[in-house]
């Protein structure tokens, strides 16, 4: 027994040492960018500044609208209030830029072809369905969707949505958008396909934003992540006993994958206590088990099919 315990300690120490070396290597990757405050530039501009703004940020000005529309927007009181509240909350982006730098370093480590994009902040009239937009060359951050979950702009938005409207989630949302770019999107037919797809996204976050908590990665409160951990065995048994994993009923995604105030087990006590998207959480644990129990690269995992990942994961829920 003592020998087994000693072996466990040795393996744990060696594993931690390897992770530490990897993080040191990642931290040495040079990343250079500035956070371009288009929100401030537009809010402080007048009609005479419009040509220069359009030259610097052509992608921010749709050709469908004439210059008069943009000039009217500059004078719009709602837009001015959005700009004022955003400038107040984001007096500087120093801490957020440090997070983004670490994100870029980790992505470049795992994806050497990565090219550092322009990072631009703007207001979007609280378009929370597009909080972050990621392309190969540009990242656009809707700063007015990160003013704090209790901000007056968010009155009327359901709590489960606005609980992540805080600036600490900016880099988490960026990581999520990048994960979508790198994951092979097969046609999701089975409940398991949906679970593993989001499990891949969350595992990608494990690697590229390891400085964030599990609760932050999935967008749960601390109480919600603890509920998921404490009930992991029950959730898994529920899915297995009802033969849901290979079920093709689209309603399962709405019950357990889609954003919602709670997951729908159709059991009142459980439903009221559970967080939404619990299927994503279980998919995450399956992918983690797969990566722990198999010698496989991140890239290969991201393109692997869901059934293969599940079969080789040897997943066992926490009890």
C-alpha atoms as a PDB file:
ATOM      1  CA  UNK A   1       0.000   0.000   0.000  1.00  0.00           C
ATOM      2  CA  UNK A   2       2.837   2.366   0.874  1.00  0.00           C
ATOM      3  CA  UNK A   3       4.517   1.599  -2.475  1.00  0.00           C
ATOM      4  CA  UNK A   4       1.300   2.417  -4.372  1.00  0.00           C
ATOM      5  CA  UNK A   5       0.924   5.682  -2.469  1.00  0.00           C
ATOM      6  CA  UNK A   6       4.566   6.581  -3.176  1.00  0.00           C
ATOM      7  CA  UNK A   7       4.067   5.801  -6.875  1.00  0.00           C
ATOM      8  CA  UNK A   8       1.014   8.072  -6.938  1.00  0.00           C
ATOM      9  CA  UNK A   9       3.001  10.904  -5.377  1.00  0.00           C
ATOM     10  CA  UNK A  10       5.831  10.469  -7.901  1.00  0.00           C
ATOM     11  CA  UNK A  11       3.424  10.462 -10.863  1.00  0.00           C
ATOM     12  CA  UNK A  12       1.632  13.537  -9.496  1.00  0.00           C
ATOM     13  CA  UNK A  13       4.883  15.455  -8.975  1.00  0.00           C
ATOM     14  CA  UNK A  14       6.214  14.549 -12.442  1.00  0.00           C
ATOM     15  CA  UNK A  15       2.901  15.550 -14.038  1.00  0.00           C
ATOM     16  CA  UNK A  16       2.863  18.905 -12.232  1.00  0.00           C
ATOM     17  CA  UNK A  17       6.485  19.469 -13.255  1.00  0.00           C
ATOM     18  CA  UNK A  18       5.671  18.899 -16.919  1.00  0.00           C
ATOM     19  CA  UNK A  19       2.700  21.260 -16.747  1.00  0.00           C
ATOM     20  CA  UNK A  20       4.862  23.884 -15.076  1.00  0.00           C
ATOM     21  CA  UNK A  21       7.473  23.609 -17.836  1.00  0.00           C
ATOM     22  CA  UNK A  22       4.798  23.935 -20.514  1.00  0.00           C
ATOM     23  CA  UNK A  23       3.381  27.050 -18.843  1.00  0.00           C
ATOM     24  CA  UNK A  24       6.872  28.579 -18.658  1.00  0.00           C
ATOM     25  CA  UNK A  25       7.349  27.953 -22.359  1.00  0.00           C
ATOM     26  CA  UNK A  26       3.940  29.457 -23.139  1.00  0.00           C
ATOM     27  CA  UNK A  27       4.656  32.537 -21.014  1.00  0.00           C
ATOM     28  CA  UNK A  28       7.783  33.214 -23.086  1.00  0.00           C
ATOM     29  CA  UNK A  29       5.858  33.453 -26.392  1.00  0.00           C
ATOM     30  CA  UNK A  30       5.974  37.095 -27.553  1.00  0.00           C
ATOM     31  CA  UNK A  31       2.584  38.680 -28.191  1.00  0.00           C
ATOM     32  CA  UNK A  32       2.197  42.300 -29.266  1.00  0.00           C
ATOM     33  CA  UNK A  33      -1.085  44.132 -29.718  1.00  0.00           C
ATOM     34  CA  UNK A  34      -2.958  47.191 -28.506  1.00  0.00           C
ATOM     35  CA  UNK A  35      -6.602  47.370 -27.473  1.00  0.00           C
ATOM     36  CA  UNK A  36      -8.119  49.823 -29.947  1.00  0.00           C
ATOM     37  CA  UNK A  37     -10.900  51.791 -28.270  1.00  0.00           C
ATOM     38  CA  UNK A  38     -13.235  52.428 -31.172  1.00  0.00           C
ATOM     39  CA  UNK A  39     -16.031  53.020 -28.639  1.00  0.00           C
ATOM     40  CA  UNK A  40     -14.164  56.036 -27.243  1.00  0.00           C
ATOM     41  CA  UNK A  41     -13.059  57.293 -30.657  1.00  0.00           C
ATOM     42  CA  UNK A  42     -16.610  57.226 -32.035  1.00  0.00           C
ATOM     43  CA  UNK A  43     -18.151  58.771 -28.902  1.00  0.00           C
ATOM     44  CA  UNK A  44     -15.731  61.694 -28.936  1.00  0.00           C
ATOM     45  CA  UNK A  45     -15.952  62.331 -32.700  1.00  0.00           C
ATOM     46  CA  UNK A  46     -18.040  64.779 -34.678  1.00  0.00           C
ATOM     47  CA  UNK A  47     -18.970  64.904 -38.348  1.00  0.00           C
ATOM     48  CA  UNK A  48     -15.554  66.223 -39.374  1.00  0.00           C
ATOM     49  CA  UNK A  49     -13.876  63.135 -37.863  1.00  0.00           C
ATOM     50  CA  UNK A  50     -16.034  60.639 -39.739  1.00  0.00           C
ATOM     51  CA  UNK A  51     -13.818  60.273 -42.871  1.00  0.00           C
ATOM     52  CA  UNK A  52     -10.785  59.428 -40.750  1.00  0.00           C
ATOM     53  CA  UNK A  53     -12.750  56.926 -38.637  1.00  0.00           C
ATOM     54  CA  UNK A  54     -14.063  55.228 -41.761  1.00  0.00           C
ATOM     55  CA  UNK A  55     -10.531  55.006 -43.124  1.00  0.00           C
ATOM     56  CA  UNK A  56      -9.186  53.438 -39.911  1.00  0.00           C
ATOM     57  CA  UNK A  57     -12.173  51.163 -39.247  1.00  0.00           C
ATOM     58  CA  UNK A  58     -13.894  50.508 -42.602  1.00  0.00           C
ATOM     59  CA  UNK A  59     -15.462  47.280 -41.310  1.00  0.00           C
ATOM     60  CA  UNK A  60     -17.384  49.269 -38.672  1.00  0.00           C
ATOM     61  CA  UNK A  61     -19.316  51.280 -41.263  1.00  0.00           C
ATOM     62  CA  UNK A  62     -21.744  49.426 -43.493  1.00  0.00           C
ATOM     63  CA  UNK A  63     -22.085  50.801 -47.017  1.00  0.00           C
ATOM     64  CA  UNK A  64     -25.831  50.375 -46.665  1.00  0.00           C
ATOM     65  CA  UNK A  65     -25.962  53.523 -44.553  1.00  0.00           C
ATOM     66  CA  UNK A  66     -25.130  57.062 -45.625  1.00  0.00           C
ATOM     67  CA  UNK A  67     -22.831  59.323 -43.627  1.00  0.00           C
ATOM     68  CA  UNK A  68     -25.862  61.169 -42.288  1.00  0.00           C
ATOM     69  CA  UNK A  69     -26.918  58.040 -40.386  1.00  0.00           C
ATOM     70  CA  UNK A  70     -23.545  57.803 -38.635  1.00  0.00           C
ATOM     71  CA  UNK A  71     -23.621  61.508 -37.806  1.00  0.00           C
ATOM     72  CA  UNK A  72     -27.091  61.091 -36.299  1.00  0.00           C
ATOM     73  CA  UNK A  73     -25.797  58.165 -34.262  1.00  0.00           C
ATOM     74  CA  UNK A  74     -22.978  60.314 -32.872  1.00  0.00           C
ATOM     75  CA  UNK A  75     -25.594  62.757 -31.533  1.00  0.00           C
ATOM     76  CA  UNK A  76     -28.031  60.095 -30.302  1.00  0.00           C
ATOM     77  CA  UNK A  77     -28.542  60.392 -26.527  1.00  0.00           C
ATOM     78  CA  UNK A  78     -28.853  56.621 -26.013  1.00  0.00           C
ATOM     79  CA  UNK A  79     -25.570  56.023 -27.816  1.00  0.00           C
ATOM     80  CA  UNK A  80     -23.946  58.740 -25.731  1.00  0.00           C
ATOM     81  CA  UNK A  81     -25.187  57.092 -22.527  1.00  0.00           C
ATOM     82  CA  UNK A  82     -23.890  53.711 -23.678  1.00  0.00           C
ATOM     83  CA  UNK A  83     -20.509  55.285 -24.402  1.00  0.00           C
ATOM     84  CA  UNK A  84     -20.430  57.079 -21.048  1.00  0.00           C
ATOM     85  CA  UNK A  85     -21.242  53.943 -19.019  1.00  0.00           C
ATOM     86  CA  UNK A  86     -18.748  51.881 -21.005  1.00  0.00           C
ATOM     87  CA  UNK A  87     -15.966  54.440 -20.581  1.00  0.00           C
ATOM     88  CA  UNK A  88     -16.713  54.571 -16.834  1.00  0.00           C
ATOM     89  CA  UNK A  89     -16.494  50.787 -16.414  1.00  0.00           C
ATOM     90  CA  UNK A  90     -13.483  50.395 -18.704  1.00  0.00           C
ATOM     91  CA  UNK A  91     -11.245  53.290 -17.770  1.00  0.00           C
ATOM     92  CA  UNK A  92      -8.408  51.079 -18.935  1.00  0.00           C
ATOM     93  CA  UNK A  93      -8.064  47.573 -20.292  1.00  0.00           C
ATOM     94  CA  UNK A  94      -4.822  46.678 -18.514  1.00  0.00           C
ATOM     95  CA  UNK A  95      -6.043  43.632 -16.570  1.00  0.00           C
ATOM     96  CA  UNK A  96      -8.175  42.414 -19.462  1.00  0.00           C
ATOM     97  CA  UNK A  97      -5.289  42.872 -21.880  1.00  0.00           C
ATOM     98  CA  UNK A  98      -3.131  40.689 -19.631  1.00  0.00           C
ATOM     99  CA  UNK A  99      -5.775  37.956 -19.803  1.00  0.00           C
ATOM    100  CA  UNK A 100      -6.038  38.304 -23.579  1.00  0.00           C
ATOM    101  CA  UNK A 101      -2.252  38.145 -23.901  1.00  0.00           C
ATOM    102  CA  UNK A 102      -2.216  34.869 -21.999  1.00  0.00           C
ATOM    103  CA  UNK A 103      -5.044  33.553 -24.189  1.00  0.00           C
ATOM    104  CA  UNK A 104      -3.122  34.413 -27.363  1.00  0.00           C
ATOM    105  CA  UNK A 105       0.069  32.837 -25.996  1.00  0.00           C
ATOM    106  CA  UNK A 106      -1.745  29.591 -25.230  1.00  0.00           C
ATOM    107  CA  UNK A 107      -3.507  29.504 -28.606  1.00  0.00           C
ATOM    108  CA  UNK A 108      -0.211  30.080 -30.432  1.00  0.00           C
ATOM    109  CA  UNK A 109       1.428  27.285 -28.424  1.00  0.00           C
ATOM    110  CA  UNK A 110      -1.234  24.778 -29.504  1.00  0.00           C
ATOM    111  CA  UNK A 111      -1.896  26.382 -32.898  1.00  0.00           C
ATOM    112  CA  UNK A 112       1.444  27.702 -34.257  1.00  0.00           C
ATOM    113  CA  UNK A 113      -0.295  29.116 -37.327  1.00  0.00           C
ATOM    114  CA  UNK A 114      -2.140  31.596 -35.086  1.00  0.00           C
ATOM    115  CA  UNK A 115      -1.628  35.258 -35.998  1.00  0.00           C
ATOM    116  CA  UNK A 116      -2.313  37.928 -33.368  1.00  0.00           C
ATOM    117  CA  UNK A 117      -5.389  39.894 -34.497  1.00  0.00           C
ATOM    118  CA  UNK A 118      -6.422  43.485 -33.946  1.00  0.00           C
ATOM    119  CA  UNK A 119      -8.455  43.808 -30.744  1.00  0.00           C
ATOM    120  CA  UNK A 120     -11.149  46.471 -30.946  1.00  0.00           C
ATOM    121  CA  UNK A 121     -13.783  47.586 -28.444  1.00  0.00           C
ATOM    122  CA  UNK A 122     -17.131  49.035 -29.455  1.00  0.00           C
ATOM    123  CA  UNK A 123     -20.697  49.471 -28.229  1.00  0.00           C
ATOM    124  CA  UNK A 124     -23.470  47.440 -29.791  1.00  0.00           C
ATOM    125  CA  UNK A 125     -26.688  48.612 -28.118  1.00  0.00           C
ATOM    126  CA  UNK A 126     -26.277  45.629 -25.759  1.00  0.00           C
ATOM    127  CA  UNK A 127     -26.328  42.985 -28.485  1.00  0.00           C
ATOM    128  CA  UNK A 128     -25.609  40.151 -26.055  1.00  0.00           C
ATOM    129  CA  UNK A 129     -25.991  37.506 -28.756  1.00  0.00           C
ATOM    130  CA  UNK A 130     -22.771  38.857 -30.298  1.00  0.00           C
ATOM    131  CA  UNK A 131     -20.713  39.859 -27.270  1.00  0.00           C
ATOM    132  CA  UNK A 132     -17.476  38.926 -29.040  1.00  0.00           C
ATOM    133  CA  UNK A 133     -16.884  38.520 -32.767  1.00  0.00           C
ATOM    134  CA  UNK A 134     -13.724  36.683 -33.839  1.00  0.00           C
ATOM    135  CA  UNK A 135     -12.205  36.574 -37.319  1.00  0.00           C
ATOM    136  CA  UNK A 136      -8.709  35.644 -38.508  1.00  0.00           C
ATOM    137  CA  UNK A 137      -7.592  39.272 -38.307  1.00  0.00           C
ATOM    138  CA  UNK A 138      -9.966  41.095 -35.962  1.00  0.00           C
ATOM    139  CA  UNK A 139     -11.604  40.598 -32.581  1.00  0.00           C
ATOM    140  CA  UNK A 140     -14.509  42.902 -31.839  1.00  0.00           C
ATOM    141  CA  UNK A 141     -15.580  43.203 -28.190  1.00  0.00           C
ATOM    142  CA  UNK A 142     -18.997  44.679 -27.425  1.00  0.00           C
ATOM    143  CA  UNK A 143     -17.913  46.422 -24.238  1.00  0.00           C
ATOM    144  CA  UNK A 144     -21.459  47.462 -23.346  1.00  0.00           C
ATOM    145  CA  UNK A 145     -22.347  43.794 -22.755  1.00  0.00           C
ATOM    146  CA  UNK A 146     -19.791  43.511 -19.918  1.00  0.00           C
ATOM    147  CA  UNK A 147     -20.816  46.286 -17.525  1.00  0.00           C
ATOM    148  CA  UNK A 148     -21.746  43.983 -14.619  1.00  0.00           C
ATOM    149  CA  UNK A 149     -24.750  41.683 -14.294  1.00  0.00           C
ATOM    150  CA  UNK A 150     -26.758  44.185 -12.236  1.00  0.00           C
ATOM    151  CA  UNK A 151     -26.260  47.161 -14.547  1.00  0.00           C
ATOM    152  CA  UNK A 152     -29.363  49.185 -15.358  1.00  0.00           C
ATOM    153  CA  UNK A 153     -28.971  48.477 -19.085  1.00  0.00           C
ATOM    154  CA  UNK A 154     -29.719  44.811 -18.429  1.00  0.00           C
ATOM    155  CA  UNK A 155     -33.039  45.204 -16.616  1.00  0.00           C
ATOM    156  CA  UNK A 156     -35.473  42.815 -18.263  1.00  0.00           C
ATOM    157  CA  UNK A 157     -32.801  40.353 -19.378  1.00  0.00           C
ATOM    158  CA  UNK A 158     -33.138  37.015 -17.599  1.00  0.00           C
ATOM    159  CA  UNK A 159     -30.692  36.356 -14.768  1.00  0.00           C
ATOM    160  CA  UNK A 160     -29.208  33.185 -16.296  1.00  0.00           C
ATOM    161  CA  UNK A 161     -28.166  35.252 -19.318  1.00  0.00           C
ATOM    162  CA  UNK A 162     -26.897  38.402 -17.631  1.00  0.00           C
ATOM    163  CA  UNK A 163     -24.978  36.628 -14.859  1.00  0.00           C
ATOM    164  CA  UNK A 164     -22.034  36.544 -17.273  1.00  0.00           C
ATOM    165  CA  UNK A 165     -22.249  40.198 -18.327  1.00  0.00           C
ATOM    166  CA  UNK A 166     -19.075  41.099 -16.446  1.00  0.00           C
ATOM    167  CA  UNK A 167     -15.617  41.999 -17.705  1.00  0.00           C
ATOM    168  CA  UNK A 168     -13.974  38.899 -16.253  1.00  0.00           C
ATOM    169  CA  UNK A 169     -15.868  36.889 -18.878  1.00  0.00           C
ATOM    170  CA  UNK A 170     -14.442  38.734 -21.894  1.00  0.00           C
ATOM    171  CA  UNK A 171     -11.475  36.406 -22.308  1.00  0.00           C
ATOM    172  CA  UNK A 172     -13.706  33.373 -21.607  1.00  0.00           C
ATOM    173  CA  UNK A 173     -16.052  34.383 -24.421  1.00  0.00           C
ATOM    174  CA  UNK A 174     -13.078  34.972 -26.710  1.00  0.00           C
ATOM    175  CA  UNK A 175     -11.759  31.482 -25.949  1.00  0.00           C
ATOM    176  CA  UNK A 176     -15.193  30.049 -26.695  1.00  0.00           C
ATOM    177  CA  UNK A 177     -15.352  31.776 -30.078  1.00  0.00           C
ATOM    178  CA  UNK A 178     -11.866  30.542 -30.969  1.00  0.00           C
ATOM    179  CA  UNK A 179     -12.803  26.985 -30.017  1.00  0.00           C
ATOM    180  CA  UNK A 180     -15.588  27.042 -32.613  1.00  0.00           C
ATOM    181  CA  UNK A 181     -13.049  27.926 -35.301  1.00  0.00           C
ATOM    182  CA  UNK A 182     -10.915  24.884 -34.526  1.00  0.00           C
ATOM    183  CA  UNK A 183     -13.496  22.174 -33.809  1.00  0.00           C
ATOM    184  CA  UNK A 184     -14.615  19.944 -36.668  1.00  0.00           C
ATOM    185  CA  UNK A 185     -18.372  20.459 -36.731  1.00  0.00           C
ATOM    186  CA  UNK A 186     -19.942  17.168 -37.710  1.00  0.00           C
ATOM    187  CA  UNK A 187     -23.675  16.918 -38.200  1.00  0.00           C
ATOM    188  CA  UNK A 188     -25.024  16.521 -34.685  1.00  0.00           C
ATOM    189  CA  UNK A 189     -27.758  13.914 -34.717  1.00  0.00           C
ATOM    190  CA  UNK A 190     -27.500  12.253 -31.324  1.00  0.00           C
ATOM    191  CA  UNK A 191     -27.603  13.762 -27.852  1.00  0.00           C
ATOM    192  CA  UNK A 192     -24.066  12.451 -27.350  1.00  0.00           C
ATOM    193  CA  UNK A 193     -22.891  14.453 -30.394  1.00  0.00           C
ATOM    194  CA  UNK A 194     -24.140  17.663 -28.799  1.00  0.00           C
ATOM    195  CA  UNK A 195     -22.594  16.826 -25.433  1.00  0.00           C
ATOM    196  CA  UNK A 196     -19.180  16.067 -26.915  1.00  0.00           C
ATOM    197  CA  UNK A 197     -19.195  19.115 -29.191  1.00  0.00           C
ATOM    198  CA  UNK A 198     -19.574  21.439 -26.214  1.00  0.00           C
ATOM    199  CA  UNK A 199     -17.257  19.246 -24.167  1.00  0.00           C
ATOM    200  CA  UNK A 200     -14.574  19.943 -26.782  1.00  0.00           C
ATOM    201  CA  UNK A 201     -15.194  23.683 -26.476  1.00  0.00           C
ATOM    202  CA  UNK A 202     -14.805  23.535 -22.707  1.00  0.00           C
ATOM    203  CA  UNK A 203     -11.692  21.366 -22.860  1.00  0.00           C
ATOM    204  CA  UNK A 204     -10.201  23.862 -25.312  1.00  0.00           C
ATOM    205  CA  UNK A 205     -10.800  26.494 -22.632  1.00  0.00           C
ATOM    206  CA  UNK A 206      -9.014  24.247 -20.112  1.00  0.00           C
ATOM    207  CA  UNK A 207      -5.889  24.570 -22.233  1.00  0.00           C
ATOM    208  CA  UNK A 208      -6.014  28.174 -23.421  1.00  0.00           C
ATOM    209  CA  UNK A 209      -7.356  29.904 -20.294  1.00  0.00           C
ATOM    210  CA  UNK A 210      -6.087  27.677 -17.444  1.00  0.00           C
ATOM    211  CA  UNK A 211      -5.998  30.777 -15.235  1.00  0.00           C
ATOM    212  CA  UNK A 212      -9.816  30.841 -15.171  1.00  0.00           C
ATOM    213  CA  UNK A 213     -11.926  28.687 -12.841  1.00  0.00           C
ATOM    214  CA  UNK A 214     -14.167  25.892 -14.092  1.00  0.00           C
ATOM    215  CA  UNK A 215     -17.185  27.987 -13.099  1.00  0.00           C
ATOM    216  CA  UNK A 216     -15.969  30.878 -15.250  1.00  0.00           C
ATOM    217  CA  UNK A 217     -15.166  28.606 -18.197  1.00  0.00           C
ATOM    218  CA  UNK A 218     -18.704  27.237 -18.381  1.00  0.00           C
ATOM    219  CA  UNK A 219     -20.381  30.433 -17.184  1.00  0.00           C
ATOM    220  CA  UNK A 220     -21.772  29.040 -13.932  1.00  0.00           C
ATOM    221  CA  UNK A 221     -21.851  30.579 -10.495  1.00  0.00           C
ATOM    222  CA  UNK A 222     -19.779  28.807  -7.832  1.00  0.00           C
ATOM    223  CA  UNK A 223     -22.966  27.272  -6.420  1.00  0.00           C
ATOM    224  CA  UNK A 224     -23.971  25.995  -9.857  1.00  0.00           C
ATOM    225  CA  UNK A 225     -20.613  24.354 -10.595  1.00  0.00           C
ATOM    226  CA  UNK A 226     -20.666  22.746  -7.150  1.00  0.00           C
ATOM    227  CA  UNK A 227     -24.166  21.385  -7.801  1.00  0.00           C
ATOM    228  CA  UNK A 228     -22.976  19.894 -11.082  1.00  0.00           C
ATOM    229  CA  UNK A 229     -19.980  18.253  -9.398  1.00  0.00           C
ATOM    230  CA  UNK A 230     -22.025  16.942  -6.451  1.00  0.00           C
ATOM    231  CA  UNK A 231     -24.694  15.474  -8.735  1.00  0.00           C
ATOM    232  CA  UNK A 232     -22.496  14.227 -11.576  1.00  0.00           C
ATOM    233  CA  UNK A 233     -23.170  10.568 -10.779  1.00  0.00           C
ATOM    234  CA  UNK A 234     -26.927  11.102 -10.585  1.00  0.00           C
ATOM    235  CA  UNK A 235     -27.005  13.069 -13.865  1.00  0.00           C
ATOM    236  CA  UNK A 236     -25.034  10.363 -15.648  1.00  0.00           C
ATOM    237  CA  UNK A 237     -27.286   7.610 -14.303  1.00  0.00           C
ATOM    238  CA  UNK A 238     -30.332   9.581 -15.454  1.00  0.00           C
ATOM    239  CA  UNK A 239     -28.931   9.851 -18.992  1.00  0.00           C
ATOM    240  CA  UNK A 240     -27.897   6.189 -19.176  1.00  0.00           C
ATOM    241  CA  UNK A 241     -30.980   4.603 -17.601  1.00  0.00           C
ATOM    242  CA  UNK A 242     -33.264   6.508 -19.974  1.00  0.00           C
ATOM    243  CA  UNK A 243     -31.034   5.636 -22.956  1.00  0.00           C
ATOM    244  CA  UNK A 244     -30.598   9.284 -23.905  1.00  0.00           C
ATOM    245  CA  UNK A 245     -26.997   9.227 -25.180  1.00  0.00           C
ATOM    246  CA  UNK A 246     -27.791   7.886 -28.638  1.00  0.00           C
ATOM    247  CA  UNK A 247     -31.269   9.337 -28.794  1.00  0.00           C
ATOM    248  CA  UNK A 248     -31.900  11.638 -31.763  1.00  0.00           C
ATOM    249  CA  UNK A 249     -34.780  13.578 -30.203  1.00  0.00           C
ATOM    250  CA  UNK A 250     -33.974  17.237 -30.832  1.00  0.00           C
ATOM    251  CA  UNK A 251     -35.815  18.212 -27.642  1.00  0.00           C
ATOM    252  CA  UNK A 252     -32.944  16.795 -25.569  1.00  0.00           C
ATOM    253  CA  UNK A 253     -30.684  19.622 -26.729  1.00  0.00           C
ATOM    254  CA  UNK A 254     -33.249  22.150 -25.533  1.00  0.00           C
ATOM    255  CA  UNK A 255     -33.554  20.367 -22.194  1.00  0.00           C
ATOM    256  CA  UNK A 256     -29.875  19.843 -21.398  1.00  0.00           C
ATOM    257  CA  UNK A 257     -27.620  21.741 -23.851  1.00  0.00           C
ATOM    258  CA  UNK A 258     -29.161  25.105 -24.738  1.00  0.00           C
ATOM    259  CA  UNK A 259     -28.818  28.121 -22.408  1.00  0.00           C
ATOM    260  CA  UNK A 260     -31.640  28.037 -19.880  1.00  0.00           C
ATOM    261  CA  UNK A 261     -32.324  28.948 -16.241  1.00  0.00           C
ATOM    262  CA  UNK A 262     -32.252  25.239 -15.346  1.00  0.00           C
ATOM    263  CA  UNK A 263     -31.948  21.800 -16.942  1.00  0.00           C
ATOM    264  CA  UNK A 264     -35.186  19.927 -17.558  1.00  0.00           C
ATOM    265  CA  UNK A 265     -35.164  16.505 -15.929  1.00  0.00           C
ATOM    266  CA  UNK A 266     -38.947  16.789 -15.470  1.00  0.00           C
ATOM    267  CA  UNK A 267     -38.394  16.273 -11.755  1.00  0.00           C
ATOM    268  CA  UNK A 268     -39.413  19.407  -9.883  1.00  0.00           C
ATOM    269  CA  UNK A 269     -36.869  19.274  -7.050  1.00  0.00           C
ATOM    270  CA  UNK A 270     -33.963  18.554  -9.414  1.00  0.00           C
ATOM    271  CA  UNK A 271     -35.062  21.054 -12.058  1.00  0.00           C
ATOM    272  CA  UNK A 272     -35.335  23.895  -9.563  1.00  0.00           C
ATOM    273  CA  UNK A 273     -31.830  23.247  -8.200  1.00  0.00           C
ATOM    274  CA  UNK A 274     -29.975  22.470 -11.413  1.00  0.00           C
ATOM    275  CA  UNK A 275     -28.158  24.945 -13.663  1.00  0.00           C
ATOM    276  CA  UNK A 276     -28.894  25.004 -17.380  1.00  0.00           C
ATOM    277  CA  UNK A 277     -26.626  23.329 -19.950  1.00  0.00           C
ATOM    278  CA  UNK A 278     -25.870  20.358 -17.701  1.00  0.00           C
ATOM    279  CA  UNK A 279     -25.322  18.216 -20.813  1.00  0.00           C
ATOM    280  CA  UNK A 280     -22.408  20.485 -21.739  1.00  0.00           C
ATOM    281  CA  UNK A 281     -20.895  19.892 -18.302  1.00  0.00           C
ATOM    282  CA  UNK A 282     -21.117  16.088 -18.668  1.00  0.00           C
ATOM    283  CA  UNK A 283     -19.683  16.270 -22.181  1.00  0.00           C
ATOM    284  CA  UNK A 284     -16.764  18.241 -20.732  1.00  0.00           C
ATOM    285  CA  UNK A 285     -16.040  15.515 -18.199  1.00  0.00           C
ATOM    286  CA  UNK A 286     -16.154  12.845 -20.918  1.00  0.00           C
ATOM    287  CA  UNK A 287     -13.658  14.756 -23.068  1.00  0.00           C
ATOM    288  CA  UNK A 288     -11.406  15.317 -20.054  1.00  0.00           C
ATOM    289  CA  UNK A 289     -11.464  11.574 -19.331  1.00  0.00           C
ATOM    290  CA  UNK A 290     -10.689  10.825 -22.992  1.00  0.00           C
ATOM    291  CA  UNK A 291      -7.665  13.114 -22.999  1.00  0.00           C
ATOM    292  CA  UNK A 292      -6.436  11.729 -19.678  1.00  0.00           C
ATOM    293  CA  UNK A 293      -6.743   8.088 -20.748  1.00  0.00           C
ATOM    294  CA  UNK A 294      -5.402   8.351 -24.306  1.00  0.00           C
ATOM    295  CA  UNK A 295      -2.216   9.631 -25.941  1.00  0.00           C
ATOM    296  CA  UNK A 296      -3.717  12.051 -28.424  1.00  0.00           C
ATOM    297  CA  UNK A 297      -3.045  15.608 -29.502  1.00  0.00           C
ATOM    298  CA  UNK A 298      -5.452  18.490 -29.077  1.00  0.00           C
ATOM    299  CA  UNK A 299      -5.858  18.817 -32.850  1.00  0.00           C
ATOM    300  CA  UNK A 300      -6.740  15.129 -33.273  1.00  0.00           C
ATOM    301  CA  UNK A 301      -9.223  15.281 -30.423  1.00  0.00           C
ATOM    302  CA  UNK A 302     -10.932  18.338 -31.873  1.00  0.00           C
ATOM    303  CA  UNK A 303     -11.564  16.452 -35.123  1.00  0.00           C
ATOM    304  CA  UNK A 304     -12.466  13.096 -33.559  1.00  0.00           C
ATOM    305  CA  UNK A 305     -16.078  11.923 -33.698  1.00  0.00           C
ATOM    306  CA  UNK A 306     -18.183  11.874 -30.554  1.00  0.00           C
ATOM    307  CA  UNK A 307     -18.776   8.130 -30.361  1.00  0.00           C
ATOM    308  CA  UNK A 308     -15.061   7.375 -30.633  1.00  0.00           C
ATOM    309  CA  UNK A 309     -14.301   9.835 -27.840  1.00  0.00           C
ATOM    310  CA  UNK A 310     -17.001   8.346 -25.643  1.00  0.00           C
ATOM    311  CA  UNK A 311     -15.962   4.732 -26.251  1.00  0.00           C
ATOM    312  CA  UNK A 312     -12.313   5.419 -25.443  1.00  0.00           C
ATOM    313  CA  UNK A 313     -12.864   7.853 -22.585  1.00  0.00           C
ATOM    314  CA  UNK A 314     -13.430   5.214 -19.867  1.00  0.00           C
ATOM    315  CA  UNK A 315     -15.551   7.908 -18.285  1.00  0.00           C
ATOM    316  CA  UNK A 316     -16.720   7.294 -14.737  1.00  0.00           C
ATOM    317  CA  UNK A 317     -18.674  10.029 -12.968  1.00  0.00           C
ATOM    318  CA  UNK A 318     -17.632  11.340  -9.600  1.00  0.00           C
ATOM    319  CA  UNK A 319     -19.663   9.876  -6.741  1.00  0.00           C
END
